[in-house]
């Protein structure tokens, strides 16, 4: 049997229209949550920014919290991909290079756009139990990456065994505090300067 033809509107299928609508809402969330803040942004404000009706908003998301979860998930995916690519590219390099590449890969995804930094380090903190669960799960993912780097370096005889989970938690806490302070600084230091300082901190924590 032949498949029924796909209905198209202005050259797009219904699924394409829905995907584009969802993307506009996520772009609006990045802009508004990342500049005005999550509590200050209403569903109506998101819809106005995205040029989407409130009726269509609720076709895509259950509520405003669901939008925050989705845009935060996008930032997590970006950070995980960038960090993974950096580690893959330095798989056979000395541990200092692997650590530096991973830290720089992660920080680039966050610090090149202040909206991403604000959502990642301010707006998601304590926003709701579901958002907090997602934030903590991402933190655990980062910590597990630190542990893998450390265990690999120990197996290669590059460094001595340590409590790499503890070091990972310490470093992530430092990143949160330093990037938050950097966001509020006036004048703001060059992002590269902060990234280098955090990279050196990570290397020292793991290897000294």
Protein backbone atom coordinates (compact mmCIF):
# COMPACT_ATOMS: atom_id res chain seq x y z
CA UNK A 1 0.00 0.00 0.00
CA UNK A 2 1.16 3.53 -0.73
CA UNK A 3 1.84 5.80 2.24
CA UNK A 4 -0.59 8.73 2.48
CA UNK A 5 0.99 12.00 1.32
CA UNK A 6 2.50 14.21 4.01
CA UNK A 7 0.48 17.40 4.41
CA UNK A 8 2.64 20.46 3.91
CA UNK A 9 2.06 24.09 4.86
CA UNK A 10 4.19 26.74 3.17
CA UNK A 11 6.55 23.99 2.09
CA UNK A 12 6.90 22.42 5.56
CA UNK A 13 5.39 19.29 7.03
CA UNK A 14 3.49 19.44 10.33
CA UNK A 15 6.44 17.84 12.11
CA UNK A 16 8.80 20.43 10.66
CA UNK A 17 6.50 23.24 11.83
CA UNK A 18 6.38 21.73 15.33
CA UNK A 19 10.15 21.32 15.47
CA UNK A 20 10.68 24.92 14.38
CA UNK A 21 8.15 26.14 16.96
CA UNK A 22 9.86 24.21 19.72
CA UNK A 23 13.25 25.56 18.66
CA UNK A 24 11.92 29.14 18.78
CA UNK A 25 10.65 28.55 22.31
CA UNK A 26 14.01 27.16 23.40
CA UNK A 27 15.82 30.11 21.81
CA UNK A 28 13.45 32.44 23.67
CA UNK A 29 14.14 30.60 26.92
CA UNK A 30 17.91 30.91 26.44
CA UNK A 31 17.52 34.64 25.86
CA UNK A 32 15.03 35.44 28.64
CA UNK A 33 16.18 33.02 31.33
CA UNK A 34 19.76 34.00 30.52
CA UNK A 35 19.17 37.76 30.76
CA UNK A 36 16.04 38.51 32.81
CA UNK A 37 16.06 35.30 34.85
CA UNK A 38 13.81 32.26 35.20
CA UNK A 39 11.53 33.58 37.99
CA UNK A 40 10.99 36.88 36.16
CA UNK A 41 9.97 35.21 32.88
CA UNK A 42 6.34 34.22 32.38
CA UNK A 43 4.95 31.76 29.86
CA UNK A 44 3.33 34.70 28.09
CA UNK A 45 6.70 36.45 27.86
CA UNK A 46 8.28 33.32 26.37
CA UNK A 47 5.48 33.07 23.84
CA UNK A 48 5.81 36.72 22.86
CA UNK A 49 9.56 36.37 22.38
CA UNK A 50 9.13 33.19 20.33
CA UNK A 51 6.07 34.45 18.42
CA UNK A 52 4.13 31.38 19.51
CA UNK A 53 0.59 31.34 20.89
CA UNK A 54 0.07 30.11 24.44
CA UNK A 55 -2.11 27.33 23.02
CA UNK A 56 0.77 26.10 20.91
CA UNK A 57 3.16 26.52 23.84
CA UNK A 58 1.22 23.91 25.77
CA UNK A 59 1.36 21.59 22.78
CA UNK A 60 5.15 21.56 23.24
CA UNK A 61 5.71 21.96 26.99
CA UNK A 62 3.68 21.14 30.06
CA UNK A 63 4.78 24.30 31.87
CA UNK A 64 7.63 26.80 32.27
CA UNK A 65 9.67 24.34 34.33
CA UNK A 66 9.67 21.93 31.38
CA UNK A 67 11.21 24.65 29.20
CA UNK A 68 13.98 25.26 31.74
CA UNK A 69 14.67 21.52 31.88
CA UNK A 70 14.85 21.38 28.08
CA UNK A 71 17.14 24.38 27.62
CA UNK A 72 19.39 23.19 30.45
CA UNK A 73 19.52 19.75 28.81
CA UNK A 74 20.72 21.43 25.62
CA UNK A 75 23.54 23.12 27.55
CA UNK A 76 24.46 19.82 29.18
CA UNK A 77 24.56 18.09 25.79
CA UNK A 78 26.79 20.84 24.41
CA UNK A 79 29.19 20.61 27.36
CA UNK A 80 29.33 16.81 27.28
CA UNK A 81 30.01 16.79 23.54
CA UNK A 82 32.73 19.44 23.76
CA UNK A 83 34.44 17.74 26.72
CA UNK A 84 34.20 14.32 25.09
CA UNK A 85 35.72 15.57 21.87
CA UNK A 86 38.59 17.20 23.78
CA UNK A 87 39.33 13.97 25.66
CA UNK A 88 39.14 11.87 22.49
CA UNK A 89 41.57 14.19 20.72
CA UNK A 90 44.10 13.90 23.59
CA UNK A 91 43.56 10.23 24.48
CA UNK A 92 47.27 9.37 24.17
CA UNK A 93 48.62 12.67 25.46
CA UNK A 94 50.17 13.22 28.91
CA UNK A 95 47.66 13.61 31.73
CA UNK A 96 48.31 17.35 32.03
CA UNK A 97 47.18 17.86 28.43
CA UNK A 98 44.13 15.65 28.86
CA UNK A 99 43.01 17.55 31.94
CA UNK A 100 43.63 20.93 30.31
CA UNK A 101 41.77 19.98 27.14
CA UNK A 102 38.76 18.71 29.09
CA UNK A 103 38.56 21.83 31.27
CA UNK A 104 38.95 24.19 28.32
CA UNK A 105 36.39 22.26 26.28
CA UNK A 106 33.82 22.53 29.07
CA UNK A 107 34.47 26.17 29.95
CA UNK A 108 34.33 27.32 26.33
CA UNK A 109 30.75 26.07 26.02
CA UNK A 110 29.69 28.01 29.11
CA UNK A 111 31.76 31.21 29.10
CA UNK A 112 31.45 32.20 25.44
CA UNK A 113 27.80 33.09 26.06
CA UNK A 114 26.82 34.81 29.32
CA UNK A 115 23.27 33.53 28.93
CA UNK A 116 24.54 29.95 29.12
CA UNK A 117 26.63 30.79 32.17
CA UNK A 118 23.72 32.42 33.97
CA UNK A 119 21.36 29.53 33.30
CA UNK A 120 23.98 26.93 34.25
CA UNK A 121 25.26 28.56 37.44
CA UNK A 122 22.37 30.72 38.67
CA UNK A 123 18.93 30.02 37.24
CA UNK A 124 18.87 26.23 37.62
CA UNK A 125 20.09 26.23 41.24
CA UNK A 126 17.14 25.32 43.45
CA UNK A 127 14.62 26.19 40.72
CA UNK A 128 12.55 23.07 41.48
CA UNK A 129 13.13 19.48 42.62
CA UNK A 130 13.14 18.22 39.02
CA UNK A 131 15.59 20.87 37.84
CA UNK A 132 17.81 20.28 40.86
CA UNK A 133 17.82 16.56 40.13
CA UNK A 134 18.98 17.26 36.57
CA UNK A 135 21.65 19.67 37.80
CA UNK A 136 23.02 17.15 40.30
CA UNK A 137 22.97 14.37 37.70
CA UNK A 138 25.12 16.54 35.41
CA UNK A 139 27.49 17.29 38.27
CA UNK A 140 27.86 13.55 38.87
CA UNK A 141 28.60 13.08 35.18
CA UNK A 142 31.40 15.63 35.39
CA UNK A 143 32.78 14.03 38.55
CA UNK A 144 32.78 10.61 36.91
CA UNK A 145 34.79 12.09 34.03
CA UNK A 146 37.36 13.41 36.52
CA UNK A 147 37.56 9.97 38.14
CA UNK A 148 38.11 8.28 34.76
CA UNK A 149 40.90 10.69 33.84
CA UNK A 150 42.53 10.12 37.22
CA UNK A 151 42.22 6.33 37.16
CA UNK A 152 43.62 6.21 33.63
CA UNK A 153 46.60 8.34 34.65
CA UNK A 154 47.26 6.10 37.66
CA UNK A 155 47.13 2.98 35.47
CA UNK A 156 49.67 4.59 33.14
CA UNK A 157 51.97 5.43 36.01
CA UNK A 158 51.63 9.18 35.47
CA UNK A 159 50.30 10.12 38.91
CA UNK A 160 49.63 8.55 42.29
CA UNK A 161 46.19 7.30 43.30
CA UNK A 162 44.00 9.89 45.05
CA UNK A 163 40.37 10.44 45.98
CA UNK A 164 39.49 11.70 42.52
CA UNK A 165 35.79 12.02 43.33
CA UNK A 166 36.64 14.42 46.14
CA UNK A 167 38.96 16.39 43.86
CA UNK A 168 36.26 16.51 41.17
CA UNK A 169 33.72 17.92 43.62
CA UNK A 170 36.25 20.50 44.83
CA UNK A 171 37.05 21.60 41.30
CA UNK A 172 33.41 21.86 40.23
CA UNK A 173 32.70 23.96 43.31
CA UNK A 174 35.59 26.22 42.36
CA UNK A 175 34.29 26.56 38.79
CA UNK A 176 30.81 27.50 40.03
CA UNK A 177 32.18 30.18 42.36
CA UNK A 178 34.78 31.59 39.97
CA UNK A 179 32.50 31.75 36.92
CA UNK A 180 29.70 33.32 38.98
CA UNK A 181 32.10 35.97 40.27
CA UNK A 182 33.42 36.53 36.73
CA UNK A 183 29.89 37.08 35.45
CA UNK A 184 29.26 39.85 38.00
CA UNK A 185 32.67 41.54 37.75
CA UNK A 186 32.84 45.06 36.33
CA UNK A 187 35.05 45.31 34.42
CA UNK A 188 34.88 41.62 33.57
CA UNK A 189 38.28 39.90 33.16
CA UNK A 190 38.95 38.29 29.77
CA UNK A 191 37.34 34.85 29.70
CA UNK A 192 40.60 33.31 28.46
CA UNK A 193 42.36 34.52 31.59
CA UNK A 194 39.81 32.81 33.83
CA UNK A 195 39.86 29.63 31.76
CA UNK A 196 43.64 29.36 32.00
CA UNK A 197 43.55 29.88 35.77
CA UNK A 198 40.91 27.17 36.22
CA UNK A 199 42.77 24.84 33.87
CA UNK A 200 45.96 25.26 35.91
CA UNK A 201 44.01 24.67 39.13
CA UNK A 202 42.62 21.40 37.76
CA UNK A 203 46.05 20.19 36.66
CA UNK A 204 47.55 21.03 40.07
CA UNK A 205 44.75 19.32 41.97
CA UNK A 206 45.13 16.11 39.97
CA UNK A 207 48.89 15.88 39.61
CA UNK A 208 50.56 17.51 42.61
